[in-house]
Amino acid sequence: MQNVPPMLARKNEREQDEPSWSFPGIVTGFAAYWFAFAIPFVKYGANVLFFFLYTWPFFLALLPVSMLIGIVVSYMLRDKFFWMAIITLALVICLFLMLFTFISGW
């Protein structure tokens, strides 16, 4: 019983709650989605609006997917917000433009 420390010595060693990493990932995924949504308008002009009016369910389905991508990337890169934002932005833009190219055939 010599190696047993008293309970008062360990009172500061409580379980620490991990910070929530989902919120920055959700915000980054949401912002990346709207940034990717604006790219076809910049590239092709306002006529893309008519294309989006007919295919809106496909692009709306990418919104929760982009938020999940942000959560997963922010979980994998916990202390590196800059790299998390860059990787999330790149993945969401690639996914969005891949769907846009596949549907439009451009």
Protein backbone atom coordinates (compact mmCIF):
# COMPACT_ATOMS: atom_id res chain seq x y z
CA MET A 1 0.00 0.00 0.00
CA GLN A 2 2.98 2.32 -0.22
CA ASN A 3 2.44 3.25 -3.90
CA VAL A 4 -1.19 4.30 -3.52
CA PRO A 5 -1.53 8.09 -3.70
CA PRO A 6 -4.22 9.72 -1.61
CA MET A 7 -7.39 10.83 -3.36
CA LEU A 8 -6.64 14.51 -2.74
CA ALA A 9 -3.54 14.32 -4.92
CA ARG A 10 -5.60 13.27 -7.96
CA LYS A 11 -8.53 15.67 -7.61
CA ASN A 12 -7.29 17.89 -10.49
CA GLU A 13 -6.96 14.96 -12.88
CA ARG A 14 -10.57 14.89 -14.02
CA GLU A 15 -11.62 13.74 -17.44
CA GLN A 16 -11.27 16.65 -19.82
CA ASP A 17 -14.09 17.17 -22.32
CA GLU A 18 -12.91 17.27 -25.89
CA PRO A 19 -13.91 20.41 -27.76
CA SER A 20 -16.52 20.05 -30.44
CA TRP A 21 -14.91 19.75 -33.85
CA SER A 22 -18.14 19.43 -35.75
CA PHE A 23 -19.12 23.11 -35.69
CA PRO A 24 -16.08 24.48 -37.58
CA GLY A 25 -16.44 21.62 -40.05
CA ILE A 26 -20.12 22.33 -40.62
CA VAL A 27 -19.49 26.04 -41.14
CA THR A 28 -16.59 25.36 -43.50
CA GLY A 29 -18.60 22.79 -45.47
CA PHE A 30 -21.54 25.16 -45.74
CA ALA A 31 -19.34 28.02 -46.95
CA ALA A 32 -17.54 25.72 -49.40
CA TYR A 33 -20.89 24.59 -50.81
CA TRP A 34 -22.00 28.15 -51.56
CA PHE A 35 -18.60 29.01 -52.97
CA ALA A 36 -18.79 25.98 -55.28
CA PHE A 37 -22.36 26.93 -56.18
CA ALA A 38 -21.16 30.35 -57.36
CA ILE A 39 -18.41 29.00 -59.65
CA PRO A 40 -20.75 28.00 -62.55
CA PHE A 41 -22.37 31.44 -62.42
CA VAL A 42 -18.98 33.10 -62.73
CA LYS A 43 -17.86 30.79 -65.50
CA TYR A 44 -21.03 30.51 -67.62
CA GLY A 45 -23.12 33.53 -66.64
CA ALA A 46 -26.71 33.94 -65.55
CA ASN A 47 -28.06 31.29 -67.96
CA VAL A 48 -26.89 28.64 -65.51
CA LEU A 49 -29.85 29.62 -63.35
CA PHE A 50 -32.23 27.88 -65.76
CA PHE A 51 -30.11 24.74 -65.57
CA PHE A 52 -30.19 24.84 -61.76
CA LEU A 53 -33.97 25.30 -61.78
CA TYR A 54 -34.38 21.91 -63.46
CA THR A 55 -31.68 20.03 -61.55
CA TRP A 56 -31.98 21.58 -58.08
CA PRO A 57 -32.59 18.29 -56.17
CA PHE A 58 -29.20 16.93 -57.21
CA PHE A 59 -27.36 20.03 -56.09
CA LEU A 60 -29.40 20.38 -52.92
CA ALA A 61 -28.37 16.84 -51.98
CA LEU A 62 -24.76 17.99 -52.02
CA LEU A 63 -25.35 20.41 -49.13
CA PRO A 64 -25.44 17.80 -46.33
CA VAL A 65 -22.68 15.85 -48.08
CA SER A 66 -20.44 18.91 -48.07
CA MET A 67 -21.18 19.49 -44.39
CA LEU A 68 -20.28 15.88 -43.63
CA ILE A 69 -17.06 16.29 -45.59
CA GLY A 70 -16.28 19.33 -43.44
CA ILE A 71 -16.95 17.38 -40.24
CA VAL A 72 -14.78 14.44 -41.29
CA VAL A 73 -11.89 16.61 -42.43
CA SER A 74 -12.05 18.75 -39.29
CA TYR A 75 -12.01 15.59 -37.18
CA MET A 76 -8.96 14.29 -39.01
CA LEU A 77 -7.09 17.61 -38.84
CA ARG A 78 -8.03 18.77 -35.36
CA ASP A 79 -5.59 21.61 -34.69
CA LYS A 80 -5.02 22.72 -38.27
CA PHE A 81 -7.95 24.94 -39.22
CA PHE A 82 -6.28 26.45 -42.28
CA TRP A 83 -5.53 23.07 -43.87
CA MET A 84 -8.96 21.80 -42.89
CA ALA A 85 -10.59 24.71 -44.70
CA ILE A 86 -8.42 24.29 -47.81
CA ILE A 87 -9.02 20.53 -48.06
CA THR A 88 -12.75 20.88 -47.42
CA LEU A 89 -13.02 23.61 -50.02
CA ALA A 90 -11.11 21.57 -52.60
CA LEU A 91 -13.15 18.40 -52.00
CA VAL A 92 -16.52 20.17 -52.12
CA ILE A 93 -15.61 22.12 -55.26
CA CYS A 94 -14.43 18.95 -57.00
CA LEU A 95 -17.59 17.10 -55.99
CA PHE A 96 -19.85 19.96 -57.08
CA LEU A 97 -18.14 20.48 -60.42
CA MET A 98 -18.05 16.73 -61.07
CA LEU A 99 -21.84 16.57 -60.63
CA PHE A 100 -22.33 19.72 -62.70
CA THR A 101 -20.22 18.33 -65.53
CA PHE A 102 -21.89 14.93 -65.38
CA ILE A 103 -25.42 16.35 -65.57
CA SER A 104 -24.79 19.12 -68.07
CA GLY A 105 -22.38 17.25 -70.32
CA TRP A 106 -20.25 20.37 -70.77
